[in-house]
């Protein structure tokens, strides 16, 4: 039997490997939304992806590692679908922050993103090693984008010179995350817009009247 494809070319192992990896990541995301993190297993991921479980163990040591990479891939997809690949800088800090936070709310309200994000957050809270990897690989790069945008605004004289950039980022994201995690109230664009206005009102550069 020929091992060549219909166009006469030999199969590309790299492409086959990429397809398998993506199938595994997609399966992990789908399953964690259906059964939750505690009931998620490597065997179930393998069955859904149509691969052997040893294929998964060749690339990842645990289901937590699979889910972390799946979440990273999902975050990349969400950013691309949102039409931007970095933090916008239009010169209007409030508008830029509102754009990004609105997109974040849309993700949190989308089951495709919410279920794996909740699962990974819960798992990271009880598994210190996973939590550290989650922070290092997923959270810190995102926080750094916010800090960079605020730093540019400070340099442009739009923020007070002594503003604490990390604290300002936490003031923006902390209430949003709290409302999402505990479901204390609906996540809306109006909420994030008000949050941005309140936070910037406290750290904006004061000019003489």
C-alpha atoms as a PDB file:
ATOM      1  CA  UNK A   1       0.000   0.000   0.000  1.00  0.00           C
ATOM      2  CA  UNK A   2       1.372   3.419  -0.936  1.00  0.00           C
ATOM      3  CA  UNK A   3       2.134   5.818   1.861  1.00  0.00           C
ATOM      4  CA  UNK A   4       1.727   8.817  -0.407  1.00  0.00           C
ATOM      5  CA  UNK A   5      -1.184  11.229  -0.351  1.00  0.00           C
ATOM      6  CA  UNK A   6      -3.671  11.713  -3.198  1.00  0.00           C
ATOM      7  CA  UNK A   7      -1.480  14.399  -4.776  1.00  0.00           C
ATOM      8  CA  UNK A   8       1.503  12.026  -4.899  1.00  0.00           C
ATOM      9  CA  UNK A   9       3.399  13.641  -2.037  1.00  0.00           C
ATOM     10  CA  UNK A  10       4.656  11.817   1.025  1.00  0.00           C
ATOM     11  CA  UNK A  11       2.765  12.651   4.255  1.00  0.00           C
ATOM     12  CA  UNK A  12       4.286  15.496   6.228  1.00  0.00           C
ATOM     13  CA  UNK A  13       4.941  14.253   9.801  1.00  0.00           C
ATOM     14  CA  UNK A  14       5.120  17.825  11.117  1.00  0.00           C
ATOM     15  CA  UNK A  15       1.678  18.679   9.769  1.00  0.00           C
ATOM     16  CA  UNK A  16       0.250  15.446  11.123  1.00  0.00           C
ATOM     17  CA  UNK A  17       1.810  16.206  14.497  1.00  0.00           C
ATOM     18  CA  UNK A  18       0.365  19.736  14.488  1.00  0.00           C
ATOM     19  CA  UNK A  19      -3.082  18.382  13.668  1.00  0.00           C
ATOM     20  CA  UNK A  20      -2.849  15.872  16.503  1.00  0.00           C
ATOM     21  CA  UNK A  21      -1.716  18.512  18.996  1.00  0.00           C
ATOM     22  CA  UNK A  22      -4.545  20.831  18.028  1.00  0.00           C
ATOM     23  CA  UNK A  23      -7.071  18.003  18.214  1.00  0.00           C
ATOM     24  CA  UNK A  24      -5.860  17.209  21.739  1.00  0.00           C
ATOM     25  CA  UNK A  25      -6.079  20.840  22.851  1.00  0.00           C
ATOM     26  CA  UNK A  26      -9.554  21.242  21.358  1.00  0.00           C
ATOM     27  CA  UNK A  27     -10.684  18.008  23.016  1.00  0.00           C
ATOM     28  CA  UNK A  28      -9.407  19.155  26.409  1.00  0.00           C
ATOM     29  CA  UNK A  29     -11.265  22.458  26.123  1.00  0.00           C
ATOM     30  CA  UNK A  30     -14.495  20.794  25.041  1.00  0.00           C
ATOM     31  CA  UNK A  31     -14.383  18.143  27.738  1.00  0.00           C
ATOM     32  CA  UNK A  32     -13.541  20.443  30.627  1.00  0.00           C
ATOM     33  CA  UNK A  33     -16.597  22.465  29.719  1.00  0.00           C
ATOM     34  CA  UNK A  34     -18.731  19.332  29.707  1.00  0.00           C
ATOM     35  CA  UNK A  35     -17.485  17.417  32.741  1.00  0.00           C
ATOM     36  CA  UNK A  36     -15.355  19.871  34.754  1.00  0.00           C
ATOM     37  CA  UNK A  37     -11.705  19.646  35.750  1.00  0.00           C
ATOM     38  CA  UNK A  38     -12.024  16.960  38.426  1.00  0.00           C
ATOM     39  CA  UNK A  39     -13.642  14.474  36.024  1.00  0.00           C
ATOM     40  CA  UNK A  40     -11.368  15.328  33.112  1.00  0.00           C
ATOM     41  CA  UNK A  41      -8.971  12.474  32.260  1.00  0.00           C
ATOM     42  CA  UNK A  42      -6.167  11.886  29.807  1.00  0.00           C
ATOM     43  CA  UNK A  43      -8.047   8.825  28.538  1.00  0.00           C
ATOM     44  CA  UNK A  44     -11.130  10.893  27.756  1.00  0.00           C
ATOM     45  CA  UNK A  45      -9.069  13.565  26.004  1.00  0.00           C
ATOM     46  CA  UNK A  46      -7.320  10.922  23.919  1.00  0.00           C
ATOM     47  CA  UNK A  47     -10.613   9.299  22.942  1.00  0.00           C
ATOM     48  CA  UNK A  48     -12.168  12.624  21.952  1.00  0.00           C
ATOM     49  CA  UNK A  49      -9.076  13.641  19.967  1.00  0.00           C
ATOM     50  CA  UNK A  50      -8.773  10.263  18.263  1.00  0.00           C
ATOM     51  CA  UNK A  51      -5.235   9.596  19.487  1.00  0.00           C
ATOM     52  CA  UNK A  52      -3.581   7.179  21.890  1.00  0.00           C
ATOM     53  CA  UNK A  53      -3.013   8.404  25.427  1.00  0.00           C
ATOM     54  CA  UNK A  54       0.713   7.788  25.007  1.00  0.00           C
ATOM     55  CA  UNK A  55       0.654  10.447  22.295  1.00  0.00           C
ATOM     56  CA  UNK A  56      -0.565  12.906  24.894  1.00  0.00           C
ATOM     57  CA  UNK A  57       1.997  11.811  27.478  1.00  0.00           C
ATOM     58  CA  UNK A  58       4.726  12.289  24.893  1.00  0.00           C
ATOM     59  CA  UNK A  59       3.982  16.025  24.925  1.00  0.00           C
ATOM     60  CA  UNK A  60       2.398  16.711  28.326  1.00  0.00           C
ATOM     61  CA  UNK A  61       2.969  15.203  31.788  1.00  0.00           C
ATOM     62  CA  UNK A  62      -0.574  15.724  33.067  1.00  0.00           C
ATOM     63  CA  UNK A  63      -4.077  16.880  32.238  1.00  0.00           C
ATOM     64  CA  UNK A  64      -3.288  20.191  33.936  1.00  0.00           C
ATOM     65  CA  UNK A  65      -0.436  20.777  31.502  1.00  0.00           C
ATOM     66  CA  UNK A  66      -2.696  19.945  28.562  1.00  0.00           C
ATOM     67  CA  UNK A  67      -5.342  22.350  29.799  1.00  0.00           C
ATOM     68  CA  UNK A  68      -2.795  25.115  30.355  1.00  0.00           C
ATOM     69  CA  UNK A  69      -1.517  24.854  26.773  1.00  0.00           C
ATOM     70  CA  UNK A  70      -5.095  24.613  25.519  1.00  0.00           C
ATOM     71  CA  UNK A  71      -5.957  27.810  27.378  1.00  0.00           C
ATOM     72  CA  UNK A  72      -2.907  29.565  25.949  1.00  0.00           C
ATOM     73  CA  UNK A  73      -3.986  28.539  22.447  1.00  0.00           C
ATOM     74  CA  UNK A  74      -7.523  29.674  23.159  1.00  0.00           C
ATOM     75  CA  UNK A  75      -6.305  33.043  24.407  1.00  0.00           C
ATOM     76  CA  UNK A  76      -4.331  33.461  21.191  1.00  0.00           C
ATOM     77  CA  UNK A  77      -7.380  32.581  19.122  1.00  0.00           C
ATOM     78  CA  UNK A  78      -9.528  35.053  21.040  1.00  0.00           C
ATOM     79  CA  UNK A  79      -7.021  37.845  20.514  1.00  0.00           C
ATOM     80  CA  UNK A  80      -6.834  37.149  16.787  1.00  0.00           C
ATOM     81  CA  UNK A  81     -10.618  36.948  16.456  1.00  0.00           C
ATOM     82  CA  UNK A  82     -10.887  40.267  18.258  1.00  0.00           C
ATOM     83  CA  UNK A  83      -8.873  41.871  15.489  1.00  0.00           C
ATOM     84  CA  UNK A  84      -5.816  42.913  17.491  1.00  0.00           C
ATOM     85  CA  UNK A  85      -2.559  41.207  18.277  1.00  0.00           C
ATOM     86  CA  UNK A  86      -1.285  43.607  20.902  1.00  0.00           C
ATOM     87  CA  UNK A  87      -2.567  46.281  23.255  1.00  0.00           C
ATOM     88  CA  UNK A  88      -3.936  49.177  21.188  1.00  0.00           C
ATOM     89  CA  UNK A  89      -2.391  52.625  21.538  1.00  0.00           C
ATOM     90  CA  UNK A  90      -4.526  55.219  19.796  1.00  0.00           C
ATOM     91  CA  UNK A  91      -3.398  57.998  22.107  1.00  0.00           C
ATOM     92  CA  UNK A  92      -6.708  57.783  23.994  1.00  0.00           C
ATOM     93  CA  UNK A  93      -5.951  55.689  27.071  1.00  0.00           C
ATOM     94  CA  UNK A  94      -9.546  55.404  28.271  1.00  0.00           C
ATOM     95  CA  UNK A  95     -10.778  54.262  24.865  1.00  0.00           C
ATOM     96  CA  UNK A  96      -7.988  51.696  24.562  1.00  0.00           C
ATOM     97  CA  UNK A  97      -8.656  50.237  28.016  1.00  0.00           C
ATOM     98  CA  UNK A  98     -12.392  50.104  27.384  1.00  0.00           C
ATOM     99  CA  UNK A  99     -11.833  48.279  24.095  1.00  0.00           C
ATOM    100  CA  UNK A 100      -9.712  45.582  25.729  1.00  0.00           C
ATOM    101  CA  UNK A 101     -11.886  45.179  28.810  1.00  0.00           C
ATOM    102  CA  UNK A 102     -15.022  44.942  26.685  1.00  0.00           C
ATOM    103  CA  UNK A 103     -13.350  42.141  24.717  1.00  0.00           C
ATOM    104  CA  UNK A 104     -12.451  40.464  28.026  1.00  0.00           C
ATOM    105  CA  UNK A 105     -16.083  40.633  29.148  1.00  0.00           C
ATOM    106  CA  UNK A 106     -17.179  39.102  25.846  1.00  0.00           C
ATOM    107  CA  UNK A 107     -14.782  36.205  26.437  1.00  0.00           C
ATOM    108  CA  UNK A 108     -15.957  35.679  30.014  1.00  0.00           C
ATOM    109  CA  UNK A 109     -19.548  35.596  28.780  1.00  0.00           C
ATOM    110  CA  UNK A 110     -18.743  33.070  26.037  1.00  0.00           C
ATOM    111  CA  UNK A 111     -19.075  29.455  27.207  1.00  0.00           C
ATOM    112  CA  UNK A 112     -16.232  28.409  24.915  1.00  0.00           C
ATOM    113  CA  UNK A 113     -13.819  30.560  26.914  1.00  0.00           C
ATOM    114  CA  UNK A 114     -15.500  30.643  30.317  1.00  0.00           C
ATOM    115  CA  UNK A 115     -15.530  26.915  31.134  1.00  0.00           C
ATOM    116  CA  UNK A 116     -11.807  26.250  30.603  1.00  0.00           C
ATOM    117  CA  UNK A 117     -10.872  29.539  32.256  1.00  0.00           C
ATOM    118  CA  UNK A 118     -12.877  28.653  35.369  1.00  0.00           C
ATOM    119  CA  UNK A 119     -11.478  25.139  35.411  1.00  0.00           C
ATOM    120  CA  UNK A 120      -7.893  26.320  35.131  1.00  0.00           C
ATOM    121  CA  UNK A 121      -8.427  29.022  37.760  1.00  0.00           C
ATOM    122  CA  UNK A 122      -9.912  26.496  40.181  1.00  0.00           C
ATOM    123  CA  UNK A 123      -7.170  23.965  39.529  1.00  0.00           C
ATOM    124  CA  UNK A 124      -4.473  26.598  39.973  1.00  0.00           C
ATOM    125  CA  UNK A 125      -5.938  27.631  43.307  1.00  0.00           C
ATOM    126  CA  UNK A 126      -5.443  24.132  44.741  1.00  0.00           C
ATOM    127  CA  UNK A 127      -2.285  23.140  42.853  1.00  0.00           C
ATOM    128  CA  UNK A 128       0.520  25.631  43.673  1.00  0.00           C
ATOM    129  CA  UNK A 129       2.792  24.353  40.889  1.00  0.00           C
ATOM    130  CA  UNK A 130       0.075  24.661  38.269  1.00  0.00           C
ATOM    131  CA  UNK A 131      -0.938  28.040  39.676  1.00  0.00           C
ATOM    132  CA  UNK A 132       2.629  29.304  39.312  1.00  0.00           C
ATOM    133  CA  UNK A 133       2.812  28.108  35.695  1.00  0.00           C
ATOM    134  CA  UNK A 134      -0.589  29.606  34.982  1.00  0.00           C
ATOM    135  CA  UNK A 135       0.558  32.969  36.356  1.00  0.00           C
ATOM    136  CA  UNK A 136       3.905  32.884  34.556  1.00  0.00           C
ATOM    137  CA  UNK A 137       2.705  31.767  31.137  1.00  0.00           C
ATOM    138  CA  UNK A 138      -0.781  33.235  30.856  1.00  0.00           C
ATOM    139  CA  UNK A 139      -1.397  36.006  33.379  1.00  0.00           C
ATOM    140  CA  UNK A 140       1.938  37.825  33.558  1.00  0.00           C
ATOM    141  CA  UNK A 141       2.246  38.380  29.779  1.00  0.00           C
ATOM    142  CA  UNK A 142      -1.264  39.875  29.761  1.00  0.00           C
ATOM    143  CA  UNK A 143      -0.576  42.068  32.778  1.00  0.00           C
ATOM    144  CA  UNK A 144       2.643  43.249  31.122  1.00  0.00           C
ATOM    145  CA  UNK A 145       0.626  44.505  28.134  1.00  0.00           C
ATOM    146  CA  UNK A 146      -1.526  46.626  30.433  1.00  0.00           C
ATOM    147  CA  UNK A 147       1.527  47.958  32.235  1.00  0.00           C
ATOM    148  CA  UNK A 148       3.234  48.859  28.965  1.00  0.00           C
ATOM    149  CA  UNK A 149       0.170  50.804  27.794  1.00  0.00           C
ATOM    150  CA  UNK A 150      -0.072  52.646  31.111  1.00  0.00           C
ATOM    151  CA  UNK A 151       3.652  53.373  31.024  1.00  0.00           C
ATOM    152  CA  UNK A 152       3.260  54.998  27.605  1.00  0.00           C
ATOM    153  CA  UNK A 153       0.365  57.068  28.949  1.00  0.00           C
ATOM    154  CA  UNK A 154       2.452  58.155  31.927  1.00  0.00           C
ATOM    155  CA  UNK A 155       5.296  59.143  29.617  1.00  0.00           C
ATOM    156  CA  UNK A 156       2.824  61.168  27.556  1.00  0.00           C
ATOM    157  CA  UNK A 157       1.767  63.044  30.687  1.00  0.00           C
ATOM    158  CA  UNK A 158      -1.704  61.483  30.853  1.00  0.00           C
ATOM    159  CA  UNK A 159      -1.088  59.850  34.242  1.00  0.00           C
ATOM    160  CA  UNK A 160       0.470  61.160  37.420  1.00  0.00           C
ATOM    161  CA  UNK A 161       4.242  60.735  37.428  1.00  0.00           C
ATOM    162  CA  UNK A 162       4.218  58.670  40.620  1.00  0.00           C
ATOM    163  CA  UNK A 163       1.399  56.319  39.602  1.00  0.00           C
ATOM    164  CA  UNK A 164       1.976  52.664  40.546  1.00  0.00           C
ATOM    165  CA  UNK A 165       1.459  50.828  37.253  1.00  0.00           C
ATOM    166  CA  UNK A 166       0.909  47.325  38.650  1.00  0.00           C
ATOM    167  CA  UNK A 167      -1.506  48.621  41.273  1.00  0.00           C
ATOM    168  CA  UNK A 168      -3.455  50.459  38.581  1.00  0.00           C
ATOM    169  CA  UNK A 169      -3.685  47.281  36.498  1.00  0.00           C
ATOM    170  CA  UNK A 170      -4.951  45.378  39.543  1.00  0.00           C
ATOM    171  CA  UNK A 171      -7.499  48.115  40.211  1.00  0.00           C
ATOM    172  CA  UNK A 172      -8.819  47.590  36.693  1.00  0.00           C
ATOM    173  CA  UNK A 173      -8.794  43.805  36.591  1.00  0.00           C
ATOM    174  CA  UNK A 174      -9.418  42.924  40.230  1.00  0.00           C
ATOM    175  CA  UNK A 175     -13.093  44.006  40.382  1.00  0.00           C
ATOM    176  CA  UNK A 176     -13.753  42.465  36.972  1.00  0.00           C
ATOM    177  CA  UNK A 177     -12.269  39.126  38.000  1.00  0.00           C
ATOM    178  CA  UNK A 178     -14.101  39.204  41.346  1.00  0.00           C
ATOM    179  CA  UNK A 179     -17.459  39.772  39.660  1.00  0.00           C
ATOM    180  CA  UNK A 180     -16.741  36.999  37.154  1.00  0.00           C
ATOM    181  CA  UNK A 181     -15.515  34.430  39.674  1.00  0.00           C
ATOM    182  CA  UNK A 182     -18.252  34.944  42.245  1.00  0.00           C
ATOM    183  CA  UNK A 183     -21.015  35.913  39.794  1.00  0.00           C
ATOM    184  CA  UNK A 184     -22.003  38.806  42.044  1.00  0.00           C
ATOM    185  CA  UNK A 185     -23.525  40.744  39.127  1.00  0.00           C
ATOM    186  CA  UNK A 186     -23.678  40.629  35.319  1.00  0.00           C
ATOM    187  CA  UNK A 187     -20.552  41.440  33.333  1.00  0.00           C
ATOM    188  CA  UNK A 188     -21.416  44.180  30.860  1.00  0.00           C
ATOM    189  CA  UNK A 189     -19.669  46.738  28.704  1.00  0.00           C
ATOM    190  CA  UNK A 190     -21.274  49.474  30.787  1.00  0.00           C
ATOM    191  CA  UNK A 191     -19.620  48.015  33.884  1.00  0.00           C
ATOM    192  CA  UNK A 192     -16.142  47.947  32.357  1.00  0.00           C
ATOM    193  CA  UNK A 193     -16.555  51.454  30.945  1.00  0.00           C
ATOM    194  CA  UNK A 194     -17.502  52.746  34.395  1.00  0.00           C
ATOM    195  CA  UNK A 195     -14.576  50.845  35.919  1.00  0.00           C
ATOM    196  CA  UNK A 196     -12.105  52.464  33.533  1.00  0.00           C
ATOM    197  CA  UNK A 197     -13.517  55.928  34.177  1.00  0.00           C
ATOM    198  CA  UNK A 198     -13.352  55.474  37.951  1.00  0.00           C
ATOM    199  CA  UNK A 199      -9.810  54.113  37.990  1.00  0.00           C
ATOM    200  CA  UNK A 200      -8.408  56.675  35.582  1.00  0.00           C
ATOM    201  CA  UNK A 201     -10.175  59.398  37.537  1.00  0.00           C
ATOM    202  CA  UNK A 202      -7.982  58.463  40.485  1.00  0.00           C
ATOM    203  CA  UNK A 203      -4.639  58.217  38.684  1.00  0.00           C
ATOM    204  CA  UNK A 204      -4.922  60.817  35.932  1.00  0.00           C
ATOM    205  CA  UNK A 205      -2.487  63.709  35.980  1.00  0.00           C
ATOM    206  CA  UNK A 206      -3.987  66.691  37.743  1.00  0.00           C
ATOM    207  CA  UNK A 207      -3.648  69.891  35.743  1.00  0.00           C
ATOM    208  CA  UNK A 208      -4.011  73.413  36.999  1.00  0.00           C
ATOM    209  CA  UNK A 209      -7.396  74.961  36.368  1.00  0.00           C
END
